[in-house]
Amino acid sequence: MDNLFCYLVPALIMFCCGIYGFITRRNMIAMLISLELMLNAVDINFVVFNRFLFPGSLDGMMFTLFAIAIAAAETAIAIAIIINIYRTARNIDVNDLDKMKF
Protein backbone atom coordinates (compact mmCIF):
# COMPACT_ATOMS: atom_id res chain seq x y z
CA MET A 1 0.00 0.00 0.00
CA ASP A 2 2.97 2.30 0.50
CA ASN A 3 3.67 2.33 -3.23
CA LEU A 4 0.08 3.34 -3.90
CA PHE A 5 0.57 6.65 -2.13
CA CYS A 6 3.76 7.30 -4.10
CA TYR A 7 1.57 7.50 -7.21
CA LEU A 8 -1.53 9.10 -5.72
CA VAL A 9 0.20 12.05 -4.06
CA PRO A 10 1.69 13.44 -7.33
CA ALA A 11 -1.66 12.88 -9.04
CA LEU A 12 -3.39 14.78 -6.23
CA ILE A 13 -0.88 17.63 -6.53
CA MET A 14 -1.42 17.74 -10.31
CA PHE A 15 -5.19 17.82 -9.87
CA CYS A 16 -5.04 20.58 -7.25
CA CYS A 17 -2.70 22.65 -9.45
CA GLY A 18 -5.15 22.19 -12.31
CA ILE A 19 -8.09 23.35 -10.21
CA TYR A 20 -6.13 26.35 -8.97
CA GLY A 21 -5.06 27.26 -12.50
CA PHE A 22 -8.58 26.89 -13.88
CA ILE A 23 -10.11 29.08 -11.18
CA THR A 24 -7.47 31.83 -11.12
CA ARG A 25 -6.62 32.23 -14.81
CA ARG A 26 -8.67 34.39 -17.15
CA ASN A 27 -6.88 33.39 -20.33
CA MET A 28 -8.63 30.61 -22.25
CA ILE A 29 -5.39 28.86 -23.23
CA ALA A 30 -4.24 28.74 -19.58
CA MET A 31 -7.65 27.41 -18.56
CA LEU A 32 -7.42 24.71 -21.24
CA ILE A 33 -3.96 23.69 -20.02
CA SER A 34 -5.28 23.50 -16.45
CA LEU A 35 -8.16 21.33 -17.60
CA GLU A 36 -5.74 18.97 -19.37
CA LEU A 37 -3.64 18.81 -16.21
CA MET A 38 -6.71 17.69 -14.25
CA LEU A 39 -7.56 15.06 -16.88
CA ASN A 40 -4.01 13.69 -16.80
CA ALA A 41 -4.18 13.38 -13.01
CA VAL A 42 -7.40 11.39 -13.34
CA ASP A 43 -5.76 9.15 -15.95
CA ILE A 44 -2.89 8.46 -13.56
CA ASN A 45 -5.42 7.45 -10.91
CA PHE A 46 -7.15 5.06 -13.33
CA VAL A 47 -3.88 3.29 -14.10
CA VAL A 48 -2.71 3.15 -10.48
CA PHE A 49 -5.98 1.78 -9.13
CA ASN A 50 -6.16 -0.77 -11.93
CA ARG A 51 -2.63 -1.94 -11.20
CA PHE A 52 -3.17 -2.30 -7.46
CA LEU A 53 -6.75 -3.57 -7.37
CA PHE A 54 -6.79 -5.81 -10.46
CA PRO A 55 -3.16 -6.62 -11.38
CA GLY A 56 -3.97 -9.01 -14.23
CA SER A 57 -6.61 -6.87 -15.89
CA LEU A 58 -6.05 -4.11 -18.42
CA ASP A 59 -9.40 -2.35 -17.97
CA GLY A 60 -7.91 0.75 -16.36
CA MET A 61 -5.25 1.00 -19.07
CA MET A 62 -7.80 0.78 -21.86
CA PHE A 63 -10.08 3.31 -20.20
CA THR A 64 -7.11 5.65 -19.80
CA LEU A 65 -6.21 5.32 -23.49
CA PHE A 66 -9.81 6.07 -24.38
CA ALA A 67 -9.78 9.10 -22.05
CA ILE A 68 -6.55 10.36 -23.64
CA ALA A 69 -8.07 10.06 -27.11
CA ILE A 70 -11.18 11.95 -25.99
CA ALA A 71 -9.00 14.62 -24.34
CA ALA A 72 -7.02 15.07 -27.56
CA ALA A 73 -10.21 15.53 -29.58
CA GLU A 74 -11.58 17.92 -26.96
CA THR A 75 -8.36 19.94 -27.03
CA ALA A 76 -8.43 20.22 -30.81
CA ILE A 77 -12.02 21.47 -30.75
CA ALA A 78 -11.30 23.89 -27.89
CA ILE A 79 -8.29 25.36 -29.68
CA ALA A 80 -10.38 25.81 -32.84
CA ILE A 81 -13.04 27.65 -30.80
CA ILE A 82 -10.37 29.81 -29.13
CA ILE A 83 -8.85 30.72 -32.51
CA ASN A 84 -12.31 31.65 -33.82
CA ILE A 85 -12.95 33.83 -30.75
CA TYR A 86 -9.57 35.51 -31.19
CA ARG A 87 -10.33 36.28 -34.83
CA THR A 88 -13.61 37.88 -33.84
CA ALA A 89 -12.75 39.70 -30.62
CA ARG A 90 -8.93 40.03 -30.89
CA ASN A 91 -8.76 38.93 -27.27
CA ILE A 92 -9.07 35.61 -25.45
CA ASP A 93 -9.64 37.01 -21.98
CA VAL A 94 -12.69 35.37 -20.44
CA ASN A 95 -13.92 38.61 -18.85
CA ASP A 96 -14.09 40.37 -22.23
CA LEU A 97 -16.22 37.73 -23.95
CA ASP A 98 -19.45 39.50 -23.12
CA LYS A 99 -18.60 41.97 -25.93
CA MET A 100 -19.41 39.21 -28.43
CA LYS A 101 -23.08 39.07 -27.44
CA PHE A 102 -25.42 40.48 -30.03
PDB file of N, CA and C in Angstrom:
ATOM      1  N   MET A   1       0.818  -1.201   0.000  1.00  0.00           N
ATOM      2  CA  MET A   1       0.000   0.000   0.000  1.00  0.00           C
ATOM      3  C   MET A   1       0.855   1.256   0.000  1.00  0.00           C
ATOM      4  N   ASP A   2       2.100   1.141   0.459  1.00  0.00           N
ATOM      5  CA  ASP A   2       2.968   2.303   0.503  1.00  0.00           C
ATOM      6  C   ASP A   2       3.264   2.815  -0.906  1.00  0.00           C
ATOM      7  N   ASN A   3       3.411   1.912  -1.853  1.00  0.00           N
ATOM      8  CA  ASN A   3       3.671   2.325  -3.232  1.00  0.00           C
ATOM      9  C   ASN A   3       2.474   3.031  -3.854  1.00  0.00           C
ATOM     10  N   LEU A   4       1.289   2.702  -3.396  1.00  0.00           N
ATOM     11  CA  LEU A   4       0.077   3.340  -3.905  1.00  0.00           C
ATOM     12  C   LEU A   4       0.102   4.844  -3.648  1.00  0.00           C
ATOM     13  N   PHE A   5       0.527   5.234  -2.463  1.00  0.00           N
ATOM     14  CA  PHE A   5       0.566   6.651  -2.130  1.00  0.00           C
ATOM     15  C   PHE A   5       1.660   7.386  -2.888  1.00  0.00           C
ATOM     16  N   CYS A   6       2.697   6.670  -3.297  1.00  0.00           N
ATOM     17  CA  CYS A   6       3.758   7.304  -4.095  1.00  0.00           C
ATOM     18  C   CYS A   6       3.239   7.738  -5.461  1.00  0.00           C
ATOM     19  N   TYR A   7       2.189   7.103  -5.938  1.00  0.00           N
ATOM     20  CA  TYR A   7       1.573   7.495  -7.210  1.00  0.00           C
ATOM     21  C   TYR A   7       0.404   8.460  -7.016  1.00  0.00           C
ATOM     22  N   LEU A   8      -0.330   8.282  -5.934  1.00  0.00           N
ATOM     23  CA  LEU A   8      -1.526   9.098  -5.725  1.00  0.00           C
ATOM     24  C   LEU A   8      -1.213  10.520  -5.273  1.00  0.00           C
ATOM     25  N   VAL A   9      -0.139  10.705  -4.532  1.00  0.00           N
ATOM     26  CA  VAL A   9       0.203  12.053  -4.063  1.00  0.00           C
ATOM     27  C   VAL A   9       0.574  12.973  -5.230  1.00  0.00           C
ATOM     28  N   PRO A  10       1.441  12.559  -6.180  1.00  0.00           N
ATOM     29  CA  PRO A  10       1.685  13.443  -7.327  1.00  0.00           C
ATOM     30  C   PRO A  10       0.437  13.693  -8.175  1.00  0.00           C
ATOM     31  N   ALA A  11      -0.420  12.687  -8.296  1.00  0.00           N
ATOM     32  CA  ALA A  11      -1.662  12.882  -9.045  1.00  0.00           C
ATOM     33  C   ALA A  11      -2.569  13.884  -8.325  1.00  0.00           C
ATOM     34  N   LEU A  12      -2.607  13.830  -7.001  1.00  0.00           N
ATOM     35  CA  LEU A  12      -3.388  14.784  -6.231  1.00  0.00           C
ATOM     36  C   LEU A  12      -2.821  16.195  -6.381  1.00  0.00           C
ATOM     37  N   ILE A  13      -1.510  16.317  -6.352  1.00  0.00           N
ATOM     38  CA  ILE A  13      -0.883  17.628  -6.532  1.00  0.00           C
ATOM     39  C   ILE A  13      -1.177  18.175  -7.924  1.00  0.00           C
ATOM     40  N   MET A  14      -1.097  17.309  -8.946  1.00  0.00           N
ATOM     41  CA  MET A  14      -1.422  17.736 -10.308  1.00  0.00           C
ATOM     42  C   MET A  14      -2.861  18.205 -10.410  1.00  0.00           C
ATOM     43  N   PHE A  15      -3.773  17.456  -9.800  1.00  0.00           N
ATOM     44  CA  PHE A  15      -5.189  17.817  -9.867  1.00  0.00           C
ATOM     45  C   PHE A  15      -5.452  19.138  -9.152  1.00  0.00           C
ATOM     46  N   CYS A  16      -4.842  19.320  -7.989  1.00  0.00           N
ATOM     47  CA  CYS A  16      -5.036  20.576  -7.248  1.00  0.00           C
ATOM     48  C   CYS A  16      -4.441  21.762  -7.998  1.00  0.00           C
ATOM     49  N   CYS A  17      -3.287  21.574  -8.635  1.00  0.00           N
ATOM     50  CA  CYS A  17      -2.702  22.646  -9.454  1.00  0.00           C
ATOM     51  C   CYS A  17      -3.601  22.975 -10.640  1.00  0.00           C
ATOM     52  N   GLY A  18      -4.225  21.957 -11.219  1.00  0.00           N
ATOM     53  CA  GLY A  18      -5.154  22.187 -12.315  1.00  0.00           C
ATOM     54  C   GLY A  18      -6.382  22.960 -11.881  1.00  0.00           C
ATOM     55  N   ILE A  19      -6.928  22.611 -10.732  1.00  0.00           N
ATOM     56  CA  ILE A  19      -8.088  23.348 -10.214  1.00  0.00           C
ATOM     57  C   ILE A  19      -7.719  24.796  -9.926  1.00  0.00           C
ATOM     58  N   TYR A  20      -6.575  24.990  -9.289  1.00  0.00           N
ATOM     59  CA  TYR A  20      -6.133  26.347  -8.972  1.00  0.00           C
ATOM     60  C   TYR A  20      -5.924  27.166 -10.249  1.00  0.00           C
ATOM     61  N   GLY A  21      -5.291  26.562 -11.236  1.00  0.00           N
ATOM     62  CA  GLY A  21      -5.062  27.264 -12.498  1.00  0.00           C
ATOM     63  C   GLY A  21      -6.353  27.571 -13.231  1.00  0.00           C
ATOM     64  N   PHE A  22      -7.310  26.662 -13.187  1.00  0.00           N
ATOM     65  CA  PHE A  22      -8.576  26.887 -13.876  1.00  0.00           C
ATOM     66  C   PHE A  22      -9.383  28.001 -13.222  1.00  0.00           C
ATOM     67  N   ILE A  23      -9.334  28.064 -11.894  1.00  0.00           N
ATOM     68  CA  ILE A  23     -10.105  29.078 -11.180  1.00  0.00           C
ATOM     69  C   ILE A  23      -9.464  30.458 -11.272  1.00  0.00           C
ATOM     70  N   THR A  24      -8.140  30.524 -11.206  1.00  0.00           N
ATOM     71  CA  THR A  24      -7.475  31.827 -11.118  1.00  0.00           C
ATOM     72  C   THR A  24      -7.140  32.443 -12.466  1.00  0.00           C
ATOM     73  N   ARG A  25      -7.011  31.679 -13.515  1.00  0.00           N
ATOM     74  CA  ARG A  25      -6.620  32.227 -14.815  1.00  0.00           C
ATOM     75  C   ARG A  25      -7.826  32.763 -15.563  1.00  0.00           C
ATOM     76  N   ARG A  26      -7.615  33.799 -16.325  1.00  0.00           N
ATOM     77  CA  ARG A  26      -8.668  34.386 -17.146  1.00  0.00           C
ATOM     78  C   ARG A  26      -8.386  34.195 -18.630  1.00  0.00           C
ATOM     79  N   ASN A  27      -7.243  33.658 -18.950  1.00  0.00           N
ATOM     80  CA  ASN A  27      -6.877  33.389 -20.330  1.00  0.00           C
ATOM     81  C   ASN A  27      -7.401  32.003 -20.714  1.00  0.00           C
ATOM     82  N   MET A  28      -8.027  31.883 -21.860  1.00  0.00           N
ATOM     83  CA  MET A  28      -8.630  30.610 -22.252  1.00  0.00           C
ATOM     84  C   MET A  28      -7.588  29.508 -22.471  1.00  0.00           C
ATOM     85  N   ILE A  29      -6.431  29.866 -23.000  1.00  0.00           N
ATOM     86  CA  ILE A  29      -5.390  28.858 -23.229  1.00  0.00           C
ATOM     87  C   ILE A  29      -4.896  28.317 -21.880  1.00  0.00           C
ATOM     88  N   ALA A  30      -4.676  29.190 -20.909  1.00  0.00           N
ATOM     89  CA  ALA A  30      -4.243  28.742 -19.585  1.00  0.00           C
ATOM     90  C   ALA A  30      -5.318  27.880 -18.920  1.00  0.00           C
ATOM     91  N   MET A  31      -6.571  28.226 -19.122  1.00  0.00           N
ATOM     92  CA  MET A  31      -7.653  27.415 -18.562  1.00  0.00           C
ATOM     93  C   MET A  31      -7.697  26.039 -19.229  1.00  0.00           C
ATOM     94  N   LEU A  32      -7.444  25.988 -20.521  1.00  0.00           N
ATOM     95  CA  LEU A  32      -7.417  24.710 -21.240  1.00  0.00           C
ATOM     96  C   LEU A  32      -6.253  23.846 -20.760  1.00  0.00           C
ATOM     97  N   ILE A  33      -5.107  24.437 -20.530  1.00  0.00           N
ATOM     98  CA  ILE A  33      -3.958  23.686 -20.024  1.00  0.00           C
ATOM     99  C   ILE A  33      -4.256  23.154 -18.627  1.00  0.00           C
ATOM    100  N   SER A  34      -4.907  23.951 -17.796  1.00  0.00           N
ATOM    101  CA  SER A  34      -5.275  23.500 -16.446  1.00  0.00           C
ATOM    102  C   SER A  34      -6.263  22.350 -16.507  1.00  0.00           C
ATOM    103  N   LEU A  35      -7.201  22.415 -17.429  1.00  0.00           N
ATOM    104  CA  LEU A  35      -8.160  21.326 -17.600  1.00  0.00           C
ATOM    105  C   LEU A  35      -7.460  20.042 -18.036  1.00  0.00           C
ATOM    106  N   GLU A  36      -6.503  20.154 -18.935  1.00  0.00           N
ATOM    107  CA  GLU A  36      -5.744  18.975 -19.370  1.00  0.00           C
ATOM    108  C   GLU A  36      -4.913  18.411 -18.227  1.00  0.00           C
ATOM    109  N   LEU A  37      -4.400  19.266 -17.367  1.00  0.00           N
ATOM    110  CA  LEU A  37      -3.642  18.807 -16.205  1.00  0.00           C
ATOM    111  C   LEU A  37      -4.533  17.990 -15.274  1.00  0.00           C
ATOM    112  N   MET A  38      -5.763  18.442 -15.083  1.00  0.00           N
ATOM    113  CA  MET A  38      -6.706  17.687 -14.249  1.00  0.00           C
ATOM    114  C   MET A  38      -7.044  16.343 -14.891  1.00  0.00           C
ATOM    115  N   LEU A  39      -7.251  16.325 -16.198  1.00  0.00           N
ATOM    116  CA  LEU A  39      -7.559  15.062 -16.884  1.00  0.00           C
ATOM    117  C   LEU A  39      -6.398  14.078 -16.809  1.00  0.00           C
ATOM    118  N   ASN A  40      -5.173  14.572 -16.909  1.00  0.00           N
ATOM    119  CA  ASN A  40      -4.014  13.686 -16.797  1.00  0.00           C
ATOM    120  C   ASN A  40      -3.878  13.119 -15.389  1.00  0.00           C
ATOM    121  N   ALA A  41      -4.206  13.896 -14.378  1.00  0.00           N
ATOM    122  CA  ALA A  41      -4.180  13.379 -13.008  1.00  0.00           C
ATOM    123  C   ALA A  41      -5.209  12.272 -12.823  1.00  0.00           C
ATOM    124  N   VAL A  42      -6.368  12.433 -13.415  1.00  0.00           N
ATOM    125  CA  VAL A  42      -7.401  11.387 -13.339  1.00  0.00           C
ATOM    126  C   VAL A  42      -6.940  10.131 -14.081  1.00  0.00           C
ATOM    127  N   ASP A  43      -6.281  10.307 -15.210  1.00  0.00           N
ATOM    128  CA  ASP A  43      -5.761   9.152 -15.948  1.00  0.00           C
ATOM    129  C   ASP A  43      -4.714   8.394 -15.138  1.00  0.00           C
ATOM    130  N   ILE A  44      -3.864   9.116 -14.424  1.00  0.00           N
ATOM    131  CA  ILE A  44      -2.887   8.459 -13.558  1.00  0.00           C
ATOM    132  C   ILE A  44      -3.600   7.639 -12.486  1.00  0.00           C
ATOM    133  N   ASN A  45      -4.663   8.185 -11.930  1.00  0.00           N
ATOM    134  CA  ASN A  45      -5.420   7.450 -10.912  1.00  0.00           C
ATOM    135  C   ASN A  45      -6.053   6.183 -11.481  1.00  0.00           C
ATOM    136  N   PHE A  46      -6.578   6.256 -12.701  1.00  0.00           N
ATOM    137  CA  PHE A  46      -7.148   5.058 -13.333  1.00  0.00           C
ATOM    138  C   PHE A  46      -6.101   3.960 -13.449  1.00  0.00           C
ATOM    139  N   VAL A  47      -4.920   4.298 -13.906  1.00  0.00           N
ATOM    140  CA  VAL A  47      -3.875   3.292 -14.101  1.00  0.00           C
ATOM    141  C   VAL A  47      -3.400   2.734 -12.762  1.00  0.00           C
ATOM    142  N   VAL A  48      -3.212   3.593 -11.781  1.00  0.00           N
ATOM    143  CA  VAL A  48      -2.715   3.146 -10.481  1.00  0.00           C
ATOM    144  C   VAL A  48      -3.722   2.228  -9.794  1.00  0.00           C
ATOM    145  N   PHE A  49      -4.985   2.627  -9.779  1.00  0.00           N
ATOM    146  CA  PHE A  49      -5.982   1.775  -9.127  1.00  0.00           C
ATOM    147  C   PHE A  49      -6.175   0.466  -9.877  1.00  0.00           C
ATOM    148  N   ASN A  50      -6.068   0.478 -11.181  1.00  0.00           N
ATOM    149  CA  ASN A  50      -6.159  -0.766 -11.932  1.00  0.00           C
ATOM    150  C   ASN A  50      -4.994  -1.685 -11.588  1.00  0.00           C
ATOM    151  N   ARG A  51      -3.811  -1.120 -11.482  1.00  0.00           N
ATOM    152  CA  ARG A  51      -2.627  -1.937 -11.196  1.00  0.00           C
ATOM    153  C   ARG A  51      -2.697  -2.553  -9.808  1.00  0.00           C
ATOM    154  N   PHE A  52      -3.171  -1.795  -8.830  1.00  0.00           N
ATOM    155  CA  PHE A  52      -3.166  -2.301  -7.461  1.00  0.00           C
ATOM    156  C   PHE A  52      -4.403  -3.111  -7.107  1.00  0.00           C
ATOM    157  N   LEU A  53      -5.539  -2.832  -7.706  1.00  0.00           N
ATOM    158  CA  LEU A  53      -6.750  -3.574  -7.374  1.00  0.00           C
ATOM    159  C   LEU A  53      -6.934  -4.812  -8.239  1.00  0.00           C
ATOM    160  N   PHE A  54      -6.628  -4.689  -9.527  1.00  0.00           N
ATOM    161  CA  PHE A  54      -6.786  -5.810 -10.463  1.00  0.00           C
ATOM    162  C   PHE A  54      -5.500  -5.952 -11.272  1.00  0.00           C
ATOM    163  N   PRO A  55      -4.469  -6.593 -10.716  1.00  0.00           N
ATOM    164  CA  PRO A  55      -3.160  -6.616 -11.383  1.00  0.00           C
ATOM    165  C   PRO A  55      -3.145  -7.310 -12.742  1.00  0.00           C
ATOM    166  N   GLY A  56      -3.985  -8.288 -12.962  1.00  0.00           N
ATOM    167  CA  GLY A  56      -3.965  -9.009 -14.229  1.00  0.00           C
ATOM    168  C   GLY A  56      -4.832  -8.389 -15.306  1.00  0.00           C
ATOM    169  N   SER A  57      -5.654  -7.457 -14.953  1.00  0.00           N
ATOM    170  CA  SER A  57      -6.608  -6.871 -15.888  1.00  0.00           C
ATOM    171  C   SER A  57      -6.042  -5.601 -16.513  1.00  0.00           C
ATOM    172  N   LEU A  58      -6.487  -5.315 -17.723  1.00  0.00           N
ATOM    173  CA  LEU A  58      -6.055  -4.107 -18.419  1.00  0.00           C
ATOM    174  C   LEU A  58      -7.193  -3.108 -18.606  1.00  0.00           C
ATOM    175  N   ASP A  59      -8.246  -3.233 -17.819  1.00  0.00           N
ATOM    176  CA  ASP A  59      -9.403  -2.350 -17.968  1.00  0.00           C
ATOM    177  C   ASP A  59      -9.043  -0.888 -17.714  1.00  0.00           C
ATOM    178  N   GLY A  60      -8.300  -0.617 -16.677  1.00  0.00           N
ATOM    179  CA  GLY A  60      -7.906   0.751 -16.362  1.00  0.00           C
ATOM    180  C   GLY A  60      -7.015   1.353 -17.434  1.00  0.00           C
ATOM    181  N   MET A  61      -6.134   0.517 -17.997  1.00  0.00           N
ATOM    182  CA  MET A  61      -5.252   0.999 -19.066  1.00  0.00           C
ATOM    183  C   MET A  61      -6.052   1.358 -20.321  1.00  0.00           C
ATOM    184  N   MET A  62      -7.004   0.510 -20.672  1.00  0.00           N
ATOM    185  CA  MET A  62      -7.799   0.777 -21.864  1.00  0.00           C
ATOM    186  C   MET A  62      -8.692   2.001 -21.672  1.00  0.00           C
ATOM    187  N   PHE A  63      -9.252   2.140 -20.471  1.00  0.00           N
ATOM    188  CA  PHE A  63     -10.082   3.309 -20.200  1.00  0.00           C
ATOM    189  C   PHE A  63      -9.240   4.576 -20.243  1.00  0.00           C
ATOM    190  N   THR A  64      -8.006   4.497 -19.762  1.00  0.00           N
ATOM    191  CA  THR A  64      -7.110   5.652 -19.805  1.00  0.00           C
ATOM    192  C   THR A  64      -6.755   6.012 -21.242  1.00  0.00           C
ATOM    193  N   LEU A  65      -6.490   5.026 -22.076  1.00  0.00           N
ATOM    194  CA  LEU A  65      -6.208   5.317 -23.487  1.00  0.00           C
ATOM    195  C   LEU A  65      -7.412   5.950 -24.175  1.00  0.00           C
ATOM    196  N   PHE A  66      -8.594   5.471 -23.840  1.00  0.00           N
ATOM    197  CA  PHE A  66      -9.810   6.069 -24.377  1.00  0.00           C
ATOM    198  C   PHE A  66      -9.964   7.507 -23.893  1.00  0.00           C
ATOM    199  N   ALA A  67      -9.676   7.746 -22.603  1.00  0.00           N
ATOM    200  CA  ALA A  67      -9.775   9.098 -22.054  1.00  0.00           C
ATOM    201  C   ALA A  67      -8.749  10.038 -22.686  1.00  0.00           C
ATOM    202  N   ILE A  68      -7.566   9.538 -22.981  1.00  0.00           N
ATOM    203  CA  ILE A  68      -6.550  10.360 -23.638  1.00  0.00           C
ATOM    204  C   ILE A  68      -6.990  10.716 -25.048  1.00  0.00           C
ATOM    205  N   ALA A  69      -7.582   9.770 -25.757  1.00  0.00           N
ATOM    206  CA  ALA A  69      -8.075  10.059 -27.110  1.00  0.00           C
ATOM    207  C   ALA A  69      -9.193  11.095 -27.080  1.00  0.00           C
ATOM    208  N   ILE A  70     -10.102  10.968 -26.132  1.00  0.00           N
ATOM    209  CA  ILE A  70     -11.178  11.954 -25.994  1.00  0.00           C
ATOM    210  C   ILE A  70     -10.608  13.318 -25.623  1.00  0.00           C
ATOM    211  N   ALA A  71      -9.611  13.345 -24.734  1.00  0.00           N
ATOM    212  CA  ALA A  71      -9.000  14.623 -24.337  1.00  0.00           C
ATOM    213  C   ALA A  71      -8.296  15.281 -25.515  1.00  0.00           C
ATOM    214  N   ALA A  72      -7.674  14.506 -26.379  1.00  0.00           N
ATOM    215  CA  ALA A  72      -7.016  15.073 -27.561  1.00  0.00           C
ATOM    216  C   ALA A  72      -8.039  15.681 -28.511  1.00  0.00           C
ATOM    217  N   ALA A  73      -9.153  14.990 -28.714  1.00  0.00           N
ATOM    218  CA  ALA A  73     -10.206  15.533 -29.576  1.00  0.00           C
ATOM    219  C   ALA A  73     -10.813  16.779 -28.956  1.00  0.00           C
ATOM    220  N   GLU A  74     -11.027  16.764 -27.657  1.00  0.00           N
ATOM    221  CA  GLU A  74     -11.582  17.923 -26.959  1.00  0.00           C
ATOM    222  C   GLU A  74     -10.643  19.118 -27.035  1.00  0.00           C
ATOM    223  N   THR A  75      -9.343  18.864 -26.937  1.00  0.00           N
ATOM    224  CA  THR A  75      -8.362  19.945 -27.033  1.00  0.00           C
ATOM    225  C   THR A  75      -8.345  20.544 -28.427  1.00  0.00           C
ATOM    226  N   ALA A  76      -8.424  19.714 -29.440  1.00  0.00           N
ATOM    227  CA  ALA A  76      -8.428  20.223 -30.812  1.00  0.00           C
ATOM    228  C   ALA A  76      -9.656  21.101 -31.063  1.00  0.00           C
ATOM    229  N   ILE A  77     -10.802  20.673 -30.582  1.00  0.00           N
ATOM    230  CA  ILE A  77     -12.017  21.473 -30.754  1.00  0.00           C
ATOM    231  C   ILE A  77     -11.935  22.766 -29.954  1.00  0.00           C
ATOM    232  N   ALA A  78     -11.417  22.689 -28.720  1.00  0.00           N
ATOM    233  CA  ALA A  78     -11.302  23.891 -27.890  1.00  0.00           C
ATOM    234  C   ALA A  78     -10.338  24.901 -28.499  1.00  0.00           C
ATOM    235  N   ILE A  79      -9.236  24.436 -29.044  1.00  0.00           N
ATOM    236  CA  ILE A  79      -8.291  25.361 -29.677  1.00  0.00           C
ATOM    237  C   ILE A  79      -8.913  25.993 -30.915  1.00  0.00           C
ATOM    238  N   ALA A  80      -9.694  25.235 -31.675  1.00  0.00           N
ATOM    239  CA  ALA A  80     -10.382  25.814 -32.840  1.00  0.00           C
ATOM    240  C   ALA A  80     -11.374  26.893 -32.402  1.00  0.00           C
ATOM    241  N   ILE A  81     -12.093  26.642 -31.317  1.00  0.00           N
ATOM    242  CA  ILE A  81     -13.035  27.649 -30.802  1.00  0.00           C
ATOM    243  C   ILE A  81     -12.285  28.884 -30.319  1.00  0.00           C
ATOM    244  N   ILE A  82     -11.162  28.684 -29.627  1.00  0.00           N
ATOM    245  CA  ILE A  82     -10.373  29.812 -29.133  1.00  0.00           C
ATOM    246  C   ILE A  82      -9.818  30.641 -30.288  1.00  0.00           C
ATOM    247  N   ILE A  83      -9.352  29.986 -31.335  1.00  0.00           N
ATOM    248  CA  ILE A  83      -8.855  30.719 -32.508  1.00  0.00           C
ATOM    249  C   ILE A  83      -9.976  31.517 -33.155  1.00  0.00           C
ATOM    250  N   ASN A  84     -11.168  30.938 -33.242  1.00  0.00           N
ATOM    251  CA  ASN A  84     -12.306  31.651 -33.816  1.00  0.00           C
ATOM    252  C   ASN A  84     -12.693  32.857 -32.957  1.00  0.00           C
ATOM    253  N   ILE A  85     -12.660  32.704 -31.647  1.00  0.00           N
ATOM    254  CA  ILE A  85     -12.953  33.833 -30.755  1.00  0.00           C
ATOM    255  C   ILE A  85     -11.899  34.911 -30.905  1.00  0.00           C
ATOM    256  N   TYR A  86     -10.632  34.515 -31.035  1.00  0.00           N
ATOM    257  CA  TYR A  86      -9.573  35.508 -31.189  1.00  0.00           C
ATOM    258  C   TYR A  86      -9.725  36.275 -32.497  1.00  0.00           C
ATOM    259  N   ARG A  87     -10.118  35.591 -33.550  1.00  0.00           N
ATOM    260  CA  ARG A  87     -10.328  36.277 -34.834  1.00  0.00           C
ATOM    261  C   ARG A  87     -11.461  37.289 -34.749  1.00  0.00           C
ATOM    262  N   THR A  88     -12.465  36.982 -33.971  1.00  0.00           N
ATOM    263  CA  THR A  88     -13.615  37.877 -33.841  1.00  0.00           C
ATOM    264  C   THR A  88     -13.355  39.019 -32.874  1.00  0.00           C
ATOM    265  N   ALA A  89     -12.859  38.697 -31.685  1.00  0.00           N
ATOM    266  CA  ALA A  89     -12.752  39.697 -30.620  1.00  0.00           C
ATOM    267  C   ALA A  89     -11.344  40.254 -30.440  1.00  0.00           C
ATOM    268  N   ARG A  90     -10.339  39.631 -31.045  1.00  0.00           N
ATOM    269  CA  ARG A  90      -8.930  40.028 -30.891  1.00  0.00           C
ATOM    270  C   ARG A  90      -8.474  39.955 -29.434  1.00  0.00           C
ATOM    271  N   ASN A  91      -9.112  39.102 -28.664  1.00  0.00           N
ATOM    272  CA  ASN A  91      -8.762  38.932 -27.269  1.00  0.00           C
ATOM    273  C   ASN A  91      -9.319  37.588 -26.804  1.00  0.00           C
ATOM    274  N   ILE A  92      -8.563  36.892 -25.971  1.00  0.00           N
ATOM    275  CA  ILE A  92      -9.067  35.614 -25.449  1.00  0.00           C
ATOM    276  C   ILE A  92      -9.235  35.665 -23.939  1.00  0.00           C
ATOM    277  N   ASP A  93      -9.374  36.855 -23.409  1.00  0.00           N
ATOM    278  CA  ASP A  93      -9.640  37.014 -21.984  1.00  0.00           C
ATOM    279  C   ASP A  93     -11.109  36.673 -21.717  1.00  0.00           C
ATOM    280  N   VAL A  94     -11.336  35.854 -20.725  1.00  0.00           N
ATOM    281  CA  VAL A  94     -12.687  35.369 -20.438  1.00  0.00           C
ATOM    282  C   VAL A  94     -13.606  36.516 -20.016  1.00  0.00           C
ATOM    283  N   ASN A  95     -13.080  37.496 -19.314  1.00  0.00           N
ATOM    284  CA  ASN A  95     -13.915  38.613 -18.847  1.00  0.00           C
ATOM    285  C   ASN A  95     -14.399  39.481 -19.981  1.00  0.00           C
ATOM    286  N   ASP A  96     -13.712  39.513 -21.107  1.00  0.00           N
ATOM    287  CA  ASP A  96     -14.094  40.368 -22.228  1.00  0.00           C
ATOM    288  C   ASP A  96     -14.994  39.672 -23.239  1.00  0.00           C
ATOM    289  N   LEU A  97     -15.404  38.457 -22.983  1.00  0.00           N
ATOM    290  CA  LEU A  97     -16.218  37.732 -23.954  1.00  0.00           C
ATOM    291  C   LEU A  97     -17.659  38.210 -24.017  1.00  0.00           C
ATOM    292  N   ASP A  98     -18.091  39.003 -23.059  1.00  0.00           N
ATOM    293  CA  ASP A  98     -19.455  39.501 -23.121  1.00  0.00           C
ATOM    294  C   ASP A  98     -19.623  40.535 -24.232  1.00  0.00           C
ATOM    295  N   LYS A  99     -18.530  41.031 -24.800  1.00  0.00           N
ATOM    296  CA  LYS A  99     -18.601  41.966 -25.925  1.00  0.00           C
ATOM    297  C   LYS A  99     -19.096  41.274 -27.197  1.00  0.00           C
ATOM    298  N   MET A 100     -19.000  39.941 -27.232  1.00  0.00           N
ATOM    299  CA  MET A 100     -19.411  39.215 -28.432  1.00  0.00           C
ATOM    300  C   MET A 100     -20.912  38.987 -28.495  1.00  0.00           C
ATOM    301  N   LYS A 101     -21.631  39.278 -27.441  1.00  0.00           N
ATOM    302  CA  LYS A 101     -23.079  39.071 -27.442  1.00  0.00           C
ATOM    303  C   LYS A 101     -23.734  40.073 -28.393  1.00  0.00           C
ATOM    304  N   PHE A 102     -24.740  39.615 -29.071  1.00  0.00           N
ATOM    305  CA  PHE A 102     -25.420  40.482 -30.031  1.00  0.00           C
ATOM    306  C   PHE A 102     -26.648  41.098 -29.409  1.00  0.00           C
TER     307      PHE A 102
END
